[in-house]
Amino acid sequence: MWSNKETLPVYKAPAFMFKTEDIITSYEYMKKMGAELVTEVENSQWFVCKDLDGNHIMVCQ
């Protein structure tokens, strides 16, 4: 499907979700590591960041 394209498509909606026991600590860790954060912690339950390819990743408590 992508054989004629130079790069793969980038997902703008979260393609993956990672579960955490502590959303605030996870958010602060990602921020400290220099991750590109798309949202802040929303509803004290989740946030979205980007991976190195620009895909959106959701982290949920």
PDB file of N, CA and C in Angstrom:
ATOM      1  N   MET A   1       0.825  -1.200   0.000  1.00  0.00           N
ATOM      2  CA  MET A   1       0.000   0.000   0.000  1.00  0.00           C
ATOM      3  C   MET A   1       0.867   1.262   0.000  1.00  0.00           C
ATOM      4  N   TRP A   2       1.966   1.252   0.766  1.00  0.00           N
ATOM      5  CA  TRP A   2       2.816   2.441   0.866  1.00  0.00           C
ATOM      6  C   TRP A   2       4.101   2.281   0.069  1.00  0.00           C
ATOM      7  N   SER A   3       4.173   1.307  -0.777  1.00  0.00           N
ATOM      8  CA  SER A   3       5.430   1.016  -1.458  1.00  0.00           C
ATOM      9  C   SER A   3       5.932   2.149  -2.349  1.00  0.00           C
ATOM     10  N   ASN A   4       5.052   3.036  -2.796  1.00  0.00           N
ATOM     11  CA  ASN A   4       5.468   4.135  -3.658  1.00  0.00           C
ATOM     12  C   ASN A   4       5.672   5.440  -2.897  1.00  0.00           C
ATOM     13  N   LYS A   5       5.540   5.400  -1.596  1.00  0.00           N
ATOM     14  CA  LYS A   5       5.699   6.605  -0.785  1.00  0.00           C
ATOM     15  C   LYS A   5       7.016   6.538  -0.035  1.00  0.00           C
ATOM     16  N   GLU A   6       7.606   7.693   0.210  1.00  0.00           N
ATOM     17  CA  GLU A   6       8.886   7.739   0.920  1.00  0.00           C
ATOM     18  C   GLU A   6       8.724   7.521   2.418  1.00  0.00           C
ATOM     19  N   THR A   7       7.591   7.950   2.979  1.00  0.00           N
ATOM     20  CA  THR A   7       7.366   7.789   4.412  1.00  0.00           C
ATOM     21  C   THR A   7       5.994   7.191   4.656  1.00  0.00           C
ATOM     22  N   LEU A   8       5.848   6.560   5.808  1.00  0.00           N
ATOM     23  CA  LEU A   8       4.565   6.008   6.207  1.00  0.00           C
ATOM     24  C   LEU A   8       3.671   7.122   6.729  1.00  0.00           C
ATOM     25  N   PRO A   9       2.357   6.921   6.708  1.00  0.00           N
ATOM     26  CA  PRO A   9       1.461   7.955   7.233  1.00  0.00           C
ATOM     27  C   PRO A   9       1.641   8.138   8.735  1.00  0.00           C
ATOM     28  N   VAL A  10       1.344   9.331   9.220  1.00  0.00           N
ATOM     29  CA  VAL A  10       1.425   9.652  10.639  1.00  0.00           C
ATOM     30  C   VAL A  10       0.006   9.635  11.187  1.00  0.00           C
ATOM     31  N   TYR A  11      -0.194   8.944  12.323  1.00  0.00           N
ATOM     32  CA  TYR A  11      -1.511   8.896  12.955  1.00  0.00           C
ATOM     33  C   TYR A  11      -1.725  10.172  13.765  1.00  0.00           C
ATOM     34  N   LYS A  12      -2.816  10.871  13.487  1.00  0.00           N
ATOM     35  CA  LYS A  12      -3.142  12.086  14.240  1.00  0.00           C
ATOM     36  C   LYS A  12      -4.004  11.758  15.456  1.00  0.00           C
ATOM     37  N   ALA A  13      -4.733  10.650  15.413  1.00  0.00           N
ATOM     38  CA  ALA A  13      -5.479  10.163  16.574  1.00  0.00           C
ATOM     39  C   ALA A  13      -4.581   9.137  17.265  1.00  0.00           C
ATOM     40  N   PRO A  14      -4.675   9.013  18.588  1.00  0.00           N
ATOM     41  CA  PRO A  14      -3.811   8.051  19.273  1.00  0.00           C
ATOM     42  C   PRO A  14      -3.960   6.638  18.715  1.00  0.00           C
ATOM     43  N   ALA A  15      -2.856   6.067  18.290  1.00  0.00           N
ATOM     44  CA  ALA A  15      -2.855   4.722  17.721  1.00  0.00           C
ATOM     45  C   ALA A  15      -2.658   3.674  18.812  1.00  0.00           C
ATOM     46  N   PHE A  16      -2.067   4.079  19.926  1.00  0.00           N
ATOM     47  CA  PHE A  16      -1.793   3.161  21.026  1.00  0.00           C
ATOM     48  C   PHE A  16      -2.138   3.835  22.339  1.00  0.00           C
ATOM     49  N   MET A  17      -2.418   3.016  23.353  1.00  0.00           N
ATOM     50  CA  MET A  17      -2.656   3.520  24.694  1.00  0.00           C
ATOM     51  C   MET A  17      -1.782   2.732  25.655  1.00  0.00           C
ATOM     52  N   PHE A  18      -1.117   3.443  26.518  1.00  0.00           N
ATOM     53  CA  PHE A  18      -0.332   2.815  27.574  1.00  0.00           C
ATOM     54  C   PHE A  18      -1.009   3.112  28.901  1.00  0.00           C
ATOM     55  N   LYS A  19      -1.112   2.110  29.748  1.00  0.00           N
ATOM     56  CA  LYS A  19      -1.746   2.273  31.051  1.00  0.00           C
ATOM     57  C   LYS A  19      -0.698   2.603  32.104  1.00  0.00           C
ATOM     58  N   THR A  20      -1.064   3.479  33.034  1.00  0.00           N
ATOM     59  CA  THR A  20      -0.181   3.849  34.136  1.00  0.00           C
ATOM     60  C   THR A  20      -0.968   3.847  35.438  1.00  0.00           C
ATOM     61  N   GLU A  21      -0.273   3.643  36.530  1.00  0.00           N
ATOM     62  CA  GLU A  21      -0.898   3.699  37.857  1.00  0.00           C
ATOM     63  C   GLU A  21      -0.911   5.129  38.404  1.00  0.00           C
ATOM     64  N   ASP A  22      -0.056   6.006  37.850  1.00  0.00           N
ATOM     65  CA  ASP A  22       0.059   7.385  38.350  1.00  0.00           C
ATOM     66  C   ASP A  22       0.226   8.328  37.161  1.00  0.00           C
ATOM     67  N   ILE A  23      -0.854   8.936  36.743  1.00  0.00           N
ATOM     68  CA  ILE A  23      -0.855   9.766  35.529  1.00  0.00           C
ATOM     69  C   ILE A  23       0.008  11.017  35.691  1.00  0.00           C
ATOM     70  N   ILE A  24       0.005  11.620  36.863  1.00  0.00           N
ATOM     71  CA  ILE A  24       0.778  12.847  37.083  1.00  0.00           C
ATOM     72  C   ILE A  24       2.277  12.546  37.018  1.00  0.00           C
ATOM     73  N   THR A  25       2.714  11.477  37.675  1.00  0.00           N
ATOM     74  CA  THR A  25       4.129  11.096  37.638  1.00  0.00           C
ATOM     75  C   THR A  25       4.546  10.736  36.214  1.00  0.00           C
ATOM     76  N   SER A  26       3.692  10.034  35.482  1.00  0.00           N
ATOM     77  CA  SER A  26       3.994   9.667  34.094  1.00  0.00           C
ATOM     78  C   SER A  26       4.117  10.909  33.218  1.00  0.00           C
ATOM     79  N   TYR A  27       3.211  11.864  33.406  1.00  0.00           N
ATOM     80  CA  TYR A  27       3.254  13.112  32.636  1.00  0.00           C
ATOM     81  C   TYR A  27       4.548  13.875  32.925  1.00  0.00           C
ATOM     82  N   GLU A  28       4.873  14.014  34.193  1.00  0.00           N
ATOM     83  CA  GLU A  28       6.094  14.735  34.576  1.00  0.00           C
ATOM     84  C   GLU A  28       7.334  14.029  34.036  1.00  0.00           C
ATOM     85  N   TYR A  29       7.342  12.697  34.034  1.00  0.00           N
ATOM     86  CA  TYR A  29       8.466  11.945  33.497  1.00  0.00           C
ATOM     87  C   TYR A  29       8.632  12.210  32.000  1.00  0.00           C
ATOM     88  N   MET A  30       7.526  12.143  31.258  1.00  0.00           N
ATOM     89  CA  MET A  30       7.585  12.389  29.813  1.00  0.00           C
ATOM     90  C   MET A  30       8.063  13.814  29.533  1.00  0.00           C
ATOM     91  N   LYS A  31       7.585  14.753  30.321  1.00  0.00           N
ATOM     92  CA  LYS A  31       7.999  16.150  30.177  1.00  0.00           C
ATOM     93  C   LYS A  31       9.495  16.297  30.441  1.00  0.00           C
ATOM     94  N   LYS A  32       9.975  15.663  31.508  1.00  0.00           N
ATOM     95  CA  LYS A  32      11.398  15.710  31.872  1.00  0.00           C
ATOM     96  C   LYS A  32      12.276  15.079  30.786  1.00  0.00           C
ATOM     97  N   MET A  33      11.783  14.034  30.153  1.00  0.00           N
ATOM     98  CA  MET A  33      12.540  13.331  29.113  1.00  0.00           C
ATOM     99  C   MET A  33      12.520  14.076  27.776  1.00  0.00           C
ATOM    100  N   GLY A  34      11.755  15.152  27.695  1.00  0.00           N
ATOM    101  CA  GLY A  34      11.719  15.951  26.482  1.00  0.00           C
ATOM    102  C   GLY A  34      10.733  15.471  25.435  1.00  0.00           C
ATOM    103  N   ALA A  35       9.769  14.650  25.840  1.00  0.00           N
ATOM    104  CA  ALA A  35       8.752  14.179  24.895  1.00  0.00           C
ATOM    105  C   ALA A  35       7.909  15.361  24.412  1.00  0.00           C
ATOM    106  N   GLU A  36       7.443  15.271  23.176  1.00  0.00           N
ATOM    107  CA  GLU A  36       6.555  16.299  22.645  1.00  0.00           C
ATOM    108  C   GLU A  36       5.147  15.993  23.140  1.00  0.00           C
ATOM    109  N   LEU A  37       4.679  16.799  24.089  1.00  0.00           N
ATOM    110  CA  LEU A  37       3.366  16.599  24.691  1.00  0.00           C
ATOM    111  C   LEU A  37       2.313  17.324  23.869  1.00  0.00           C
ATOM    112  N   VAL A  38       1.263  16.620  23.519  1.00  0.00           N
ATOM    113  CA  VAL A  38       0.181  17.182  22.710  1.00  0.00           C
ATOM    114  C   VAL A  38      -0.885  17.809  23.606  1.00  0.00           C
ATOM    115  N   THR A  39      -1.153  17.176  24.757  1.00  0.00           N
ATOM    116  CA  THR A  39      -2.115  17.699  25.720  1.00  0.00           C
ATOM    117  C   THR A  39      -1.478  17.710  27.099  1.00  0.00           C
ATOM    118  N   GLU A  40      -2.117  18.396  28.000  1.00  0.00           N
ATOM    119  CA  GLU A  40      -1.781  18.270  29.416  1.00  0.00           C
ATOM    120  C   GLU A  40      -2.597  17.098  29.945  1.00  0.00           C
ATOM    121  N   VAL A  41      -2.505  16.812  31.241  1.00  0.00           N
ATOM    122  CA  VAL A  41      -3.329  15.763  31.831  1.00  0.00           C
ATOM    123  C   VAL A  41      -4.774  16.238  31.795  1.00  0.00           C
ATOM    124  N   GLU A  42      -5.621  15.463  31.172  1.00  0.00           N
ATOM    125  CA  GLU A  42      -7.032  15.813  31.014  1.00  0.00           C
ATOM    126  C   GLU A  42      -7.893  14.967  31.950  1.00  0.00           C
ATOM    127  N   ASN A  43      -8.814  15.622  32.657  1.00  0.00           N
ATOM    128  CA  ASN A  43      -9.750  14.942  33.567  1.00  0.00           C
ATOM    129  C   ASN A  43      -9.036  14.062  34.587  1.00  0.00           C
ATOM    130  N   SER A  44      -7.803  14.399  34.905  1.00  0.00           N
ATOM    131  CA  SER A  44      -6.976  13.627  35.844  1.00  0.00           C
ATOM    132  C   SER A  44      -6.850  12.162  35.429  1.00  0.00           C
ATOM    133  N   GLN A  45      -6.989  11.881  34.113  1.00  0.00           N
ATOM    134  CA  GLN A  45      -7.016  10.495  33.673  1.00  0.00           C
ATOM    135  C   GLN A  45      -6.111  10.177  32.487  1.00  0.00           C
ATOM    136  N   TRP A  46      -5.799  11.142  31.624  1.00  0.00           N
ATOM    137  CA  TRP A  46      -5.041  10.809  30.411  1.00  0.00           C
ATOM    138  C   TRP A  46      -4.312  12.028  29.857  1.00  0.00           C
ATOM    139  N   PHE A  47      -3.309  11.731  29.010  1.00  0.00           N
ATOM    140  CA  PHE A  47      -2.644  12.758  28.213  1.00  0.00           C
ATOM    141  C   PHE A  47      -2.147  12.117  26.933  1.00  0.00           C
ATOM    142  N   VAL A  48      -1.805  12.953  25.955  1.00  0.00           N
ATOM    143  CA  VAL A  48      -1.324  12.476  24.661  1.00  0.00           C
ATOM    144  C   VAL A  48       0.032  13.109  24.384  1.00  0.00           C
ATOM    145  N   CYS A  49       0.945  12.286  23.874  1.00  0.00           N
ATOM    146  CA  CYS A  49       2.256  12.758  23.444  1.00  0.00           C
ATOM    147  C   CYS A  49       2.537  12.185  22.060  1.00  0.00           C
ATOM    148  N   LYS A  50       3.664  12.572  21.474  1.00  0.00           N
ATOM    149  CA  LYS A  50       4.042  12.060  20.156  1.00  0.00           C
ATOM    150  C   LYS A  50       5.259  11.159  20.283  1.00  0.00           C
ATOM    151  N   ASP A  51       5.299  10.124  19.433  1.00  0.00           N
ATOM    152  CA  ASP A  51       6.512   9.311  19.366  1.00  0.00           C
ATOM    153  C   ASP A  51       7.496   9.991  18.415  1.00  0.00           C
ATOM    154  N   LEU A  52       8.636   9.377  18.184  1.00  0.00           N
ATOM    155  CA  LEU A  52       9.667   9.998  17.348  1.00  0.00           C
ATOM    156  C   LEU A  52       9.253  10.167  15.896  1.00  0.00           C
ATOM    157  N   ASP A  53       8.246   9.398  15.449  1.00  0.00           N
ATOM    158  CA  ASP A  53       7.745   9.531  14.080  1.00  0.00           C
ATOM    159  C   ASP A  53       6.587  10.511  13.971  1.00  0.00           C
ATOM    160  N   GLY A  54       6.152  11.077  15.092  1.00  0.00           N
ATOM    161  CA  GLY A  54       5.058  12.037  15.093  1.00  0.00           C
ATOM    162  C   GLY A  54       3.697  11.430  15.329  1.00  0.00           C
ATOM    163  N   ASN A  55       3.631  10.114  15.573  1.00  0.00           N
ATOM    164  CA  ASN A  55       2.354   9.465  15.877  1.00  0.00           C
ATOM    165  C   ASN A  55       1.909   9.823  17.287  1.00  0.00           C
ATOM    166  N   HIS A  56       0.610   9.963  17.488  1.00  0.00           N
ATOM    167  CA  HIS A  56       0.074  10.303  18.794  1.00  0.00           C
ATOM    168  C   HIS A  56      -0.088   9.035  19.633  1.00  0.00           C
ATOM    169  N   ILE A  57       0.333   9.123  20.896  1.00  0.00           N
ATOM    170  CA  ILE A  57       0.270   8.029  21.850  1.00  0.00           C
ATOM    171  C   ILE A  57      -0.477   8.526  23.079  1.00  0.00           C
ATOM    172  N   MET A  58      -1.460   7.761  23.553  1.00  0.00           N
ATOM    173  CA  MET A  58      -2.223   8.141  24.728  1.00  0.00           C
ATOM    174  C   MET A  58      -1.731   7.369  25.938  1.00  0.00           C
ATOM    175  N   VAL A  59      -1.627   8.061  27.071  1.00  0.00           N
ATOM    176  CA  VAL A  59      -1.276   7.440  28.340  1.00  0.00           C
ATOM    177  C   VAL A  59      -2.480   7.645  29.257  1.00  0.00           C
ATOM    178  N   CYS A  60      -3.016   6.540  29.818  1.00  0.00           N
ATOM    179  CA  CYS A  60      -4.232   6.592  30.632  1.00  0.00           C
ATOM    180  C   CYS A  60      -4.016   5.967  32.005  1.00  0.00           C
ATOM    181  N   GLN A  61      -4.740   6.516  32.980  1.00  0.00           N
ATOM    182  CA  GLN A  61      -4.739   5.922  34.307  1.00  0.00           C
ATOM    183  C   GLN A  61      -6.031   5.172  34.509  1.00  0.00           C
TER     184      GLN A  61
END
